[in-house]
């Protein structure tokens, strides 16, 4: 019996790690579109409390530069919509701009956040002829679905976008803890 418990303790961490590996993707898809989303339980928070905290964060983070971002909020519905364009570092020497929409819906005891409509503005040669590419054309299927010949390493876009989305969703979570 002791051997079985020891073996279980030994194998359990490896099994749990393997479970998480299949769920992590740098290009999640919803309805045919790249979509990063999060649903967070906040058992002690009301809809109004969540809306107030997240709306304040969105306004501070994205509501100050009207040329690059737009924040619209509807308190009655508990929704916040952010449209923005930010610089995304792909590597030490390469960057792009990414445009996206972030829709946040607040409810009693939970909220949902969804980053979608992702578009890259890419000009690797700095020749001022920026072209836009939907994320689906670049990072679909972990970058294996890349249809843009100009983009040689779609995995860079995939990983940078995933990291940015995770940071963004983390900032929303952190905002709910502030008053």
N, C-alpha and C. Protein backbone atom coordinates (compact mmCIF):
# COMPACT_ATOMS: atom_id res chain seq x y z
N UNK A 1 0.82 -1.19 0.00
CA UNK A 1 0.00 0.00 0.00
C UNK A 1 0.87 1.25 0.00
N UNK A 2 1.94 1.25 0.82
CA UNK A 2 2.83 2.41 0.87
C UNK A 2 3.47 2.66 -0.48
N UNK A 3 3.77 1.59 -1.21
CA UNK A 3 4.39 1.73 -2.52
C UNK A 3 3.44 2.41 -3.50
N UNK A 4 2.18 2.09 -3.43
CA UNK A 4 1.19 2.70 -4.33
C UNK A 4 1.04 4.19 -4.03
N UNK A 5 0.99 4.53 -2.75
CA UNK A 5 0.87 5.94 -2.38
C UNK A 5 2.12 6.70 -2.82
N UNK A 6 3.28 6.11 -2.60
CA UNK A 6 4.53 6.74 -3.03
C UNK A 6 4.54 6.93 -4.54
N UNK A 7 4.13 5.91 -5.27
CA UNK A 7 4.09 5.99 -6.73
C UNK A 7 3.09 7.05 -7.19
N UNK A 8 1.95 7.11 -6.53
CA UNK A 8 0.95 8.13 -6.85
C UNK A 8 1.51 9.53 -6.62
N UNK A 9 2.18 9.74 -5.50
CA UNK A 9 2.78 11.05 -5.20
C UNK A 9 3.87 11.40 -6.21
N UNK A 10 4.56 10.40 -6.69
CA UNK A 10 5.62 10.62 -7.65
C UNK A 10 5.07 10.96 -9.04
N UNK A 11 4.00 10.30 -9.44
CA UNK A 11 3.46 10.47 -10.79
C UNK A 11 2.43 11.60 -10.90
N UNK A 12 1.78 11.97 -9.81
CA UNK A 12 0.73 12.97 -9.86
C UNK A 12 1.19 14.31 -10.45
N UNK A 13 2.32 14.89 -10.04
CA UNK A 13 2.75 16.16 -10.62
C UNK A 13 2.97 16.07 -12.13
N UNK A 14 3.54 14.99 -12.62
CA UNK A 14 3.76 14.83 -14.06
C UNK A 14 2.44 14.73 -14.79
N UNK A 15 1.48 14.00 -14.21
CA UNK A 15 0.17 13.86 -14.85
C UNK A 15 -0.54 15.21 -14.90
N UNK A 16 -0.49 16.00 -13.82
CA UNK A 16 -1.13 17.30 -13.80
C UNK A 16 -0.50 18.25 -14.82
N UNK A 17 0.81 18.20 -14.94
CA UNK A 17 1.50 19.05 -15.91
C UNK A 17 1.09 18.67 -17.33
N UNK A 18 0.94 17.40 -17.59
CA UNK A 18 0.54 16.95 -18.92
C UNK A 18 -0.88 17.40 -19.24
N UNK A 19 -1.73 17.49 -18.24
CA UNK A 19 -3.10 17.93 -18.47
C UNK A 19 -3.14 19.37 -18.96
N UNK A 20 -2.32 20.24 -18.40
CA UNK A 20 -2.32 21.64 -18.78
C UNK A 20 -1.70 21.89 -20.14
N UNK A 21 -0.81 21.05 -20.60
CA UNK A 21 -0.11 21.27 -21.84
C UNK A 21 -1.03 21.29 -23.05
N UNK A 22 -2.05 20.44 -23.06
CA UNK A 22 -2.94 20.39 -24.20
C UNK A 22 -3.85 21.59 -24.30
N UNK A 23 -4.04 22.33 -23.24
CA UNK A 23 -4.96 23.46 -23.22
C UNK A 23 -4.28 24.77 -23.59
N UNK A 24 -2.98 24.84 -23.51
CA UNK A 24 -2.28 26.08 -23.78
C UNK A 24 -2.04 26.20 -25.28
N UNK A 25 -2.46 27.30 -25.85
CA UNK A 25 -2.25 27.55 -27.27
C UNK A 25 -1.99 29.03 -27.46
N UNK A 26 -1.16 29.35 -28.41
CA UNK A 26 -0.91 30.77 -28.64
C UNK A 26 -1.89 31.33 -29.67
N UNK A 27 -2.78 30.48 -30.20
CA UNK A 27 -3.75 30.97 -31.17
C UNK A 27 -5.13 30.33 -30.96
N UNK A 28 -5.77 30.65 -29.83
CA UNK A 28 -7.10 30.08 -29.58
C UNK A 28 -8.13 30.63 -30.57
N UNK A 29 -9.06 29.79 -30.97
CA UNK A 29 -10.04 30.17 -31.98
C UNK A 29 -11.45 30.05 -31.42
N UNK A 30 -12.27 31.04 -31.74
CA UNK A 30 -13.69 31.01 -31.39
C UNK A 30 -14.46 31.51 -32.61
N UNK A 31 -15.35 30.70 -33.10
CA UNK A 31 -16.15 31.06 -34.29
C UNK A 31 -15.27 31.45 -35.48
N UNK A 32 -14.17 30.76 -35.65
CA UNK A 32 -13.28 31.00 -36.79
C UNK A 32 -12.35 32.19 -36.64
N UNK A 33 -12.37 32.87 -35.50
CA UNK A 33 -11.53 34.05 -35.27
C UNK A 33 -10.59 33.78 -34.10
N UNK A 34 -9.39 34.35 -34.17
CA UNK A 34 -8.49 34.28 -33.03
C UNK A 34 -9.14 35.05 -31.88
N UNK A 35 -9.22 34.41 -30.74
CA UNK A 35 -9.92 35.02 -29.61
C UNK A 35 -9.31 34.54 -28.29
N UNK A 36 -8.77 35.48 -27.53
CA UNK A 36 -8.26 35.18 -26.20
C UNK A 36 -9.36 35.58 -25.22
N UNK A 37 -9.73 34.68 -24.32
CA UNK A 37 -10.79 35.04 -23.40
C UNK A 37 -10.53 34.51 -22.01
N UNK A 38 -11.26 35.09 -21.08
CA UNK A 38 -11.11 34.75 -19.68
C UNK A 38 -12.45 34.94 -19.01
N UNK A 39 -12.81 34.01 -18.16
CA UNK A 39 -14.00 34.15 -17.33
C UNK A 39 -13.53 33.99 -15.89
N UNK A 40 -13.79 35.01 -15.08
CA UNK A 40 -13.26 35.04 -13.74
C UNK A 40 -14.40 35.12 -12.73
N UNK A 41 -14.36 34.21 -11.78
CA UNK A 41 -15.31 34.23 -10.67
C UNK A 41 -14.81 35.22 -9.63
N UNK A 42 -15.70 36.05 -9.17
CA UNK A 42 -15.37 37.05 -8.14
C UNK A 42 -16.52 37.02 -7.13
N UNK A 43 -16.53 35.99 -6.32
CA UNK A 43 -17.67 35.63 -5.47
C UNK A 43 -18.18 36.76 -4.59
N UNK A 44 -17.34 37.67 -4.16
CA UNK A 44 -17.80 38.70 -3.23
C UNK A 44 -18.06 40.04 -3.91
N UNK A 45 -17.92 40.13 -5.23
CA UNK A 45 -18.06 41.41 -5.91
C UNK A 45 -19.39 41.51 -6.66
N UNK A 46 -19.99 42.69 -6.58
CA UNK A 46 -21.20 42.95 -7.34
C UNK A 46 -20.84 43.37 -8.75
N UNK A 47 -21.83 43.37 -9.60
CA UNK A 47 -21.65 43.83 -10.98
C UNK A 47 -21.13 45.27 -11.00
N UNK A 48 -21.73 46.13 -10.17
CA UNK A 48 -21.33 47.54 -10.13
C UNK A 48 -19.89 47.70 -9.66
N UNK A 49 -19.49 46.93 -8.68
CA UNK A 49 -18.11 47.00 -8.15
C UNK A 49 -17.11 46.57 -9.21
N UNK A 50 -17.41 45.48 -9.91
CA UNK A 50 -16.52 45.01 -10.97
C UNK A 50 -16.46 46.04 -12.10
N UNK A 51 -17.62 46.54 -12.50
CA UNK A 51 -17.67 47.52 -13.58
C UNK A 51 -16.85 48.77 -13.22
N UNK A 52 -17.02 49.26 -12.01
CA UNK A 52 -16.30 50.46 -11.56
C UNK A 52 -14.79 50.26 -11.63
N UNK A 53 -14.32 49.16 -11.09
CA UNK A 53 -12.88 48.89 -11.06
C UNK A 53 -12.29 48.69 -12.45
N UNK A 54 -12.96 47.89 -13.26
CA UNK A 54 -12.43 47.59 -14.60
C UNK A 54 -12.55 48.80 -15.52
N UNK A 55 -13.64 49.54 -15.39
CA UNK A 55 -13.82 50.74 -16.20
C UNK A 55 -12.74 51.77 -15.89
N UNK A 56 -12.42 51.92 -14.63
CA UNK A 56 -11.37 52.85 -14.22
C UNK A 56 -10.03 52.42 -14.83
N UNK A 57 -9.72 51.13 -14.75
CA UNK A 57 -8.48 50.62 -15.34
C UNK A 57 -8.45 50.90 -16.85
N UNK A 58 -9.55 50.57 -17.54
CA UNK A 58 -9.60 50.74 -19.00
C UNK A 58 -9.40 52.20 -19.39
N UNK A 59 -10.04 53.10 -18.67
CA UNK A 59 -9.90 54.52 -18.96
C UNK A 59 -8.47 54.99 -18.75
N UNK A 60 -7.85 54.56 -17.66
CA UNK A 60 -6.47 54.96 -17.39
C UNK A 60 -5.49 54.34 -18.39
N UNK A 61 -5.70 53.09 -18.74
CA UNK A 61 -4.76 52.39 -19.61
C UNK A 61 -4.97 52.70 -21.09
N UNK A 62 -6.22 52.93 -21.51
CA UNK A 62 -6.50 53.06 -22.95
C UNK A 62 -7.32 54.29 -23.32
N UNK A 63 -7.76 55.06 -22.36
CA UNK A 63 -8.62 56.18 -22.67
C UNK A 63 -7.92 57.52 -22.79
N UNK A 64 -6.61 57.54 -22.72
CA UNK A 64 -5.90 58.82 -22.72
C UNK A 64 -5.38 59.24 -24.09
N UNK A 65 -5.20 58.33 -25.02
CA UNK A 65 -4.68 58.67 -26.35
C UNK A 65 -5.73 58.34 -27.40
N UNK A 66 -6.55 59.34 -27.75
CA UNK A 66 -7.67 59.10 -28.65
C UNK A 66 -7.24 58.73 -30.07
N UNK A 67 -5.98 58.94 -30.41
CA UNK A 67 -5.51 58.58 -31.75
C UNK A 67 -5.23 57.08 -31.87
N UNK A 68 -4.96 56.43 -30.73
CA UNK A 68 -4.63 55.02 -30.76
C UNK A 68 -5.64 54.13 -30.05
N UNK A 69 -6.46 54.71 -29.18
CA UNK A 69 -7.37 53.88 -28.40
C UNK A 69 -8.70 54.56 -28.19
N UNK A 70 -9.69 53.73 -27.90
CA UNK A 70 -11.03 54.22 -27.60
C UNK A 70 -11.63 53.31 -26.54
N UNK A 71 -12.25 53.90 -25.54
CA UNK A 71 -12.92 53.14 -24.49
C UNK A 71 -14.37 53.60 -24.45
N UNK A 72 -15.28 52.65 -24.51
CA UNK A 72 -16.68 53.00 -24.32
C UNK A 72 -17.26 52.05 -23.29
N UNK A 73 -18.06 52.60 -22.39
CA UNK A 73 -18.59 51.81 -21.29
C UNK A 73 -20.09 52.07 -21.13
N UNK A 74 -20.80 51.02 -20.77
CA UNK A 74 -22.23 51.12 -20.52
C UNK A 74 -22.49 50.51 -19.14
N UNK A 75 -22.70 51.39 -18.16
CA UNK A 75 -22.85 50.93 -16.77
C UNK A 75 -24.08 50.05 -16.60
N UNK A 76 -25.19 50.40 -17.24
CA UNK A 76 -26.41 49.60 -17.10
C UNK A 76 -26.22 48.17 -17.59
N UNK A 77 -25.54 48.02 -18.67
CA UNK A 77 -25.27 46.68 -19.22
C UNK A 77 -24.07 46.02 -18.56
N UNK A 78 -23.21 46.83 -17.96
CA UNK A 78 -22.01 46.30 -17.34
C UNK A 78 -20.94 45.94 -18.36
N UNK A 79 -20.93 46.65 -19.50
CA UNK A 79 -19.98 46.32 -20.56
C UNK A 79 -18.97 47.44 -20.77
N UNK A 80 -17.78 47.03 -21.11
CA UNK A 80 -16.69 47.95 -21.43
C UNK A 80 -16.06 47.45 -22.72
N UNK A 81 -15.92 48.33 -23.69
CA UNK A 81 -15.32 47.97 -24.97
C UNK A 81 -14.09 48.85 -25.18
N UNK A 82 -12.97 48.19 -25.41
CA UNK A 82 -11.71 48.90 -25.69
C UNK A 82 -11.29 48.53 -27.10
N UNK A 83 -11.02 49.54 -27.91
CA UNK A 83 -10.42 49.35 -29.23
C UNK A 83 -9.08 50.05 -29.17
N UNK A 84 -8.02 49.35 -29.55
CA UNK A 84 -6.71 49.96 -29.39
C UNK A 84 -5.72 49.46 -30.43
N UNK A 85 -4.64 50.21 -30.52
CA UNK A 85 -3.51 49.87 -31.37
C UNK A 85 -2.27 50.08 -30.52
N UNK A 86 -1.46 49.03 -30.37
CA UNK A 86 -0.25 49.11 -29.56
C UNK A 86 0.93 48.48 -30.32
N UNK A 87 2.12 48.90 -29.93
CA UNK A 87 3.31 48.30 -30.51
C UNK A 87 3.58 46.97 -29.82
N UNK A 88 3.89 45.98 -30.61
CA UNK A 88 4.14 44.64 -30.10
C UNK A 88 5.55 44.22 -30.50
N UNK A 89 6.39 43.96 -29.51
CA UNK A 89 7.75 43.52 -29.79
C UNK A 89 7.74 42.04 -30.10
N UNK A 90 8.27 41.69 -31.26
CA UNK A 90 8.33 40.29 -31.69
C UNK A 90 9.64 39.64 -31.27
N UNK A 91 10.69 40.43 -31.33
CA UNK A 91 12.03 39.97 -30.94
C UNK A 91 12.83 41.21 -30.58
N UNK A 92 14.10 41.06 -30.35
CA UNK A 92 14.94 42.21 -30.00
C UNK A 92 15.04 43.21 -31.14
N UNK A 93 14.87 42.76 -32.37
CA UNK A 93 15.04 43.64 -33.52
C UNK A 93 13.78 43.83 -34.35
N UNK A 94 12.74 43.13 -34.04
CA UNK A 94 11.54 43.17 -34.88
C UNK A 94 10.31 43.54 -34.06
N UNK A 95 9.44 44.35 -34.67
CA UNK A 95 8.22 44.76 -34.00
C UNK A 95 7.11 44.93 -35.03
N UNK A 96 5.91 45.05 -34.52
CA UNK A 96 4.73 45.29 -35.34
C UNK A 96 3.74 46.08 -34.50
N UNK A 97 2.72 46.59 -35.12
CA UNK A 97 1.60 47.16 -34.37
C UNK A 97 0.47 46.15 -34.40
N UNK A 98 -0.24 46.06 -33.31
CA UNK A 98 -1.38 45.16 -33.25
C UNK A 98 -2.61 45.98 -32.86
N UNK A 99 -3.67 45.81 -33.64
CA UNK A 99 -4.95 46.43 -33.33
C UNK A 99 -5.85 45.32 -32.80
N UNK A 100 -6.68 45.65 -31.83
CA UNK A 100 -7.55 44.64 -31.24
C UNK A 100 -8.77 45.29 -30.61
N UNK A 101 -9.75 44.46 -30.32
CA UNK A 101 -10.92 44.86 -29.53
C UNK A 101 -10.95 44.00 -28.28
N UNK A 102 -11.27 44.65 -27.19
CA UNK A 102 -11.38 43.96 -25.91
C UNK A 102 -12.78 44.25 -25.38
N UNK A 103 -13.56 43.20 -25.21
CA UNK A 103 -14.92 43.34 -24.70
C UNK A 103 -14.99 42.70 -23.32
N UNK A 104 -15.41 43.49 -22.34
CA UNK A 104 -15.50 43.02 -20.97
C UNK A 104 -16.96 43.14 -20.53
N UNK A 105 -17.51 42.08 -19.98
CA UNK A 105 -18.88 42.06 -19.48
C UNK A 105 -18.85 41.73 -17.99
N UNK A 106 -19.43 42.61 -17.21
CA UNK A 106 -19.46 42.42 -15.75
C UNK A 106 -20.83 41.91 -15.32
N UNK A 107 -20.80 40.97 -14.41
CA UNK A 107 -22.01 40.39 -13.83
C UNK A 107 -21.80 40.33 -12.33
N UNK A 108 -22.86 40.03 -11.59
CA UNK A 108 -22.68 39.79 -10.17
C UNK A 108 -21.80 38.56 -9.99
N UNK A 109 -20.75 38.71 -9.24
CA UNK A 109 -19.84 37.63 -8.86
C UNK A 109 -18.95 37.08 -9.97
N UNK A 110 -18.89 37.73 -11.14
CA UNK A 110 -17.99 37.27 -12.20
C UNK A 110 -17.91 38.31 -13.32
N UNK A 111 -16.89 38.14 -14.16
CA UNK A 111 -16.80 38.94 -15.38
C UNK A 111 -16.18 38.08 -16.48
N UNK A 112 -16.42 38.49 -17.72
CA UNK A 112 -15.80 37.84 -18.86
C UNK A 112 -15.02 38.91 -19.63
N UNK A 113 -13.93 38.49 -20.24
CA UNK A 113 -13.12 39.39 -21.07
C UNK A 113 -12.73 38.64 -22.33
N UNK A 114 -12.84 39.32 -23.46
CA UNK A 114 -12.56 38.68 -24.74
C UNK A 114 -11.78 39.64 -25.63
N UNK A 115 -10.59 39.23 -26.05
CA UNK A 115 -9.76 40.02 -26.96
C UNK A 115 -9.87 39.37 -28.33
N UNK A 116 -10.38 40.13 -29.30
CA UNK A 116 -10.61 39.58 -30.63
C UNK A 116 -10.43 40.67 -31.68
N UNK A 117 -10.76 40.37 -32.92
CA UNK A 117 -10.58 41.29 -34.05
C UNK A 117 -9.14 41.79 -34.11
N UNK A 118 -8.22 40.87 -34.01
CA UNK A 118 -6.79 41.20 -33.94
C UNK A 118 -6.24 41.35 -35.36
N UNK A 119 -5.55 42.47 -35.58
CA UNK A 119 -4.97 42.77 -36.89
C UNK A 119 -3.56 43.29 -36.66
N UNK A 120 -2.63 42.81 -37.47
CA UNK A 120 -1.24 43.29 -37.40
C UNK A 120 -1.00 44.33 -38.48
N UNK A 121 -0.26 45.38 -38.15
CA UNK A 121 0.23 46.34 -39.12
C UNK A 121 1.74 46.13 -39.15
N UNK A 122 2.20 45.59 -40.26
CA UNK A 122 3.58 45.12 -40.32
C UNK A 122 4.33 45.78 -41.46
N UNK A 123 5.50 46.32 -41.15
CA UNK A 123 6.37 46.99 -42.11
C UNK A 123 7.82 46.65 -41.76
N UNK A 124 8.28 45.44 -42.10
CA UNK A 124 9.61 45.02 -41.66
C UNK A 124 10.77 45.81 -42.27
N UNK A 125 10.52 46.45 -43.42
CA UNK A 125 11.60 47.17 -44.08
C UNK A 125 11.54 48.67 -43.83
N UNK A 126 10.61 49.11 -42.97
CA UNK A 126 10.43 50.53 -42.65
C UNK A 126 10.32 51.41 -43.89
N UNK A 127 9.63 50.92 -44.90
CA UNK A 127 9.47 51.71 -46.13
C UNK A 127 8.15 52.48 -46.16
N UNK A 128 7.48 52.56 -45.02
CA UNK A 128 6.26 53.34 -44.82
C UNK A 128 5.09 52.85 -45.68
N UNK A 129 5.18 51.61 -46.12
CA UNK A 129 4.05 50.99 -46.83
C UNK A 129 3.49 49.89 -45.95
N UNK A 130 2.91 50.30 -44.86
CA UNK A 130 2.37 49.37 -43.88
C UNK A 130 1.15 48.65 -44.46
N UNK A 131 1.14 47.37 -44.29
CA UNK A 131 -0.01 46.58 -44.70
C UNK A 131 -0.61 45.93 -43.46
N UNK A 132 -1.87 45.66 -43.52
CA UNK A 132 -2.54 45.04 -42.38
C UNK A 132 -2.87 43.59 -42.70
N UNK A 133 -2.74 42.76 -41.68
CA UNK A 133 -2.98 41.33 -41.82
C UNK A 133 -3.81 40.84 -40.64
N UNK A 134 -4.96 40.26 -40.90
CA UNK A 134 -5.74 39.68 -39.80
C UNK A 134 -4.95 38.57 -39.12
N UNK A 135 -5.09 38.46 -37.83
CA UNK A 135 -4.36 37.44 -37.07
C UNK A 135 -4.63 36.04 -37.61
N UNK A 136 -5.83 35.81 -38.12
CA UNK A 136 -6.17 34.49 -38.65
C UNK A 136 -5.27 34.11 -39.83
N UNK A 137 -4.78 35.11 -40.58
CA UNK A 137 -3.89 34.85 -41.71
C UNK A 137 -2.44 34.61 -41.29
N UNK A 138 -2.13 34.91 -40.03
CA UNK A 138 -0.75 34.82 -39.57
C UNK A 138 -0.55 33.72 -38.53
N UNK A 139 -1.36 33.70 -37.49
CA UNK A 139 -1.07 32.82 -36.35
C UNK A 139 -2.04 31.65 -36.19
N UNK A 140 -2.97 31.49 -37.10
CA UNK A 140 -3.90 30.37 -37.00
C UNK A 140 -3.13 29.05 -36.92
N UNK A 141 -3.60 28.16 -36.08
CA UNK A 141 -2.98 26.84 -35.90
C UNK A 141 -1.52 26.96 -35.49
N UNK A 142 -1.29 27.79 -34.46
CA UNK A 142 0.05 28.00 -33.90
C UNK A 142 1.04 28.58 -34.92
N UNK A 143 0.53 29.30 -35.92
CA UNK A 143 1.39 29.88 -36.94
C UNK A 143 1.55 29.01 -38.17
N UNK A 144 1.07 27.78 -38.10
CA UNK A 144 1.17 26.88 -39.26
C UNK A 144 0.20 27.28 -40.37
N UNK A 145 -0.79 28.11 -40.03
CA UNK A 145 -1.76 28.56 -41.02
C UNK A 145 -1.39 29.89 -41.66
N UNK A 146 -0.13 30.31 -41.53
CA UNK A 146 0.32 31.59 -42.07
C UNK A 146 0.17 31.62 -43.59
N UNK A 147 -0.53 32.65 -44.09
CA UNK A 147 -0.70 32.83 -45.54
C UNK A 147 -0.01 34.09 -46.03
N UNK A 148 0.76 34.75 -45.18
CA UNK A 148 1.41 36.01 -45.53
C UNK A 148 2.89 35.73 -45.81
N UNK A 149 3.28 35.83 -47.08
CA UNK A 149 4.65 35.51 -47.48
C UNK A 149 5.68 36.43 -46.82
N UNK A 150 5.32 37.67 -46.55
CA UNK A 150 6.23 38.63 -45.94
C UNK A 150 6.63 38.22 -44.52
N UNK A 151 5.77 37.47 -43.86
CA UNK A 151 6.03 37.06 -42.48
C UNK A 151 6.72 35.70 -42.50
N UNK A 152 8.02 35.73 -42.19
CA UNK A 152 8.84 34.52 -42.26
C UNK A 152 8.70 33.63 -41.03
N UNK A 153 8.46 34.24 -39.87
CA UNK A 153 8.37 33.47 -38.64
C UNK A 153 7.07 33.79 -37.90
N UNK A 154 5.97 33.19 -38.31
CA UNK A 154 4.68 33.49 -37.68
C UNK A 154 4.63 33.10 -36.21
N UNK A 155 5.51 32.20 -35.80
CA UNK A 155 5.54 31.79 -34.41
C UNK A 155 5.90 32.97 -33.49
N UNK A 156 6.74 33.89 -33.98
CA UNK A 156 7.06 35.10 -33.21
C UNK A 156 5.79 35.91 -32.95
N UNK A 157 4.96 36.07 -33.97
CA UNK A 157 3.70 36.79 -33.83
C UNK A 157 2.77 36.06 -32.86
N UNK A 158 2.73 34.75 -33.00
CA UNK A 158 1.87 33.92 -32.16
C UNK A 158 2.24 34.07 -30.68
N UNK A 159 3.50 33.90 -30.38
CA UNK A 159 3.95 33.96 -28.99
C UNK A 159 3.84 35.36 -28.41
N UNK A 160 4.19 36.38 -29.21
CA UNK A 160 4.10 37.76 -28.72
C UNK A 160 2.65 38.16 -28.47
N UNK A 161 1.76 37.73 -29.34
CA UNK A 161 0.34 38.05 -29.17
C UNK A 161 -0.22 37.33 -27.95
N UNK A 162 0.14 36.08 -27.79
CA UNK A 162 -0.31 35.32 -26.61
C UNK A 162 0.19 35.98 -25.33
N UNK A 163 1.46 36.34 -25.29
CA UNK A 163 2.02 36.99 -24.10
C UNK A 163 1.31 38.31 -23.81
N UNK A 164 1.06 39.09 -24.86
CA UNK A 164 0.36 40.36 -24.69
C UNK A 164 -1.05 40.13 -24.15
N UNK A 165 -1.76 39.16 -24.71
CA UNK A 165 -3.13 38.87 -24.27
C UNK A 165 -3.15 38.40 -22.82
N UNK A 166 -2.22 37.55 -22.45
CA UNK A 166 -2.15 37.07 -21.06
C UNK A 166 -1.87 38.24 -20.10
N UNK A 167 -0.99 39.14 -20.50
CA UNK A 167 -0.68 40.31 -19.67
C UNK A 167 -1.92 41.19 -19.54
N UNK A 168 -2.60 41.41 -20.65
CA UNK A 168 -3.81 42.24 -20.66
C UNK A 168 -4.90 41.65 -19.76
N UNK A 169 -5.15 40.37 -19.89
CA UNK A 169 -6.15 39.71 -19.05
C UNK A 169 -5.74 39.74 -17.58
N UNK A 170 -4.45 39.65 -17.33
CA UNK A 170 -3.94 39.75 -15.96
C UNK A 170 -4.14 41.15 -15.38
N UNK A 171 -3.98 42.17 -16.21
CA UNK A 171 -4.19 43.54 -15.75
C UNK A 171 -5.65 43.76 -15.36
N UNK A 172 -6.56 43.17 -16.11
CA UNK A 172 -7.99 43.28 -15.77
C UNK A 172 -8.24 42.63 -14.42
N UNK A 173 -7.70 41.45 -14.24
CA UNK A 173 -7.86 40.74 -12.96
C UNK A 173 -7.31 41.59 -11.81
N UNK A 174 -6.12 42.15 -12.00
CA UNK A 174 -5.51 42.98 -10.96
C UNK A 174 -6.38 44.21 -10.67
N UNK A 175 -7.00 44.77 -11.72
CA UNK A 175 -7.84 45.95 -11.54
C UNK A 175 -9.03 45.67 -10.65
N UNK A 176 -9.53 44.46 -10.66
CA UNK A 176 -10.71 44.14 -9.85
C UNK A 176 -10.37 44.15 -8.36
N UNK A 177 -9.12 44.02 -8.03
CA UNK A 177 -8.69 43.99 -6.64
C UNK A 177 -8.50 45.40 -6.06
N UNK A 178 -8.45 46.40 -6.96
CA UNK A 178 -8.25 47.77 -6.52
C UNK A 178 -9.59 48.46 -6.37
N UNK A 179 -9.62 49.42 -5.54
CA UNK A 179 -10.87 50.17 -5.33
C UNK A 179 -10.69 51.58 -5.80
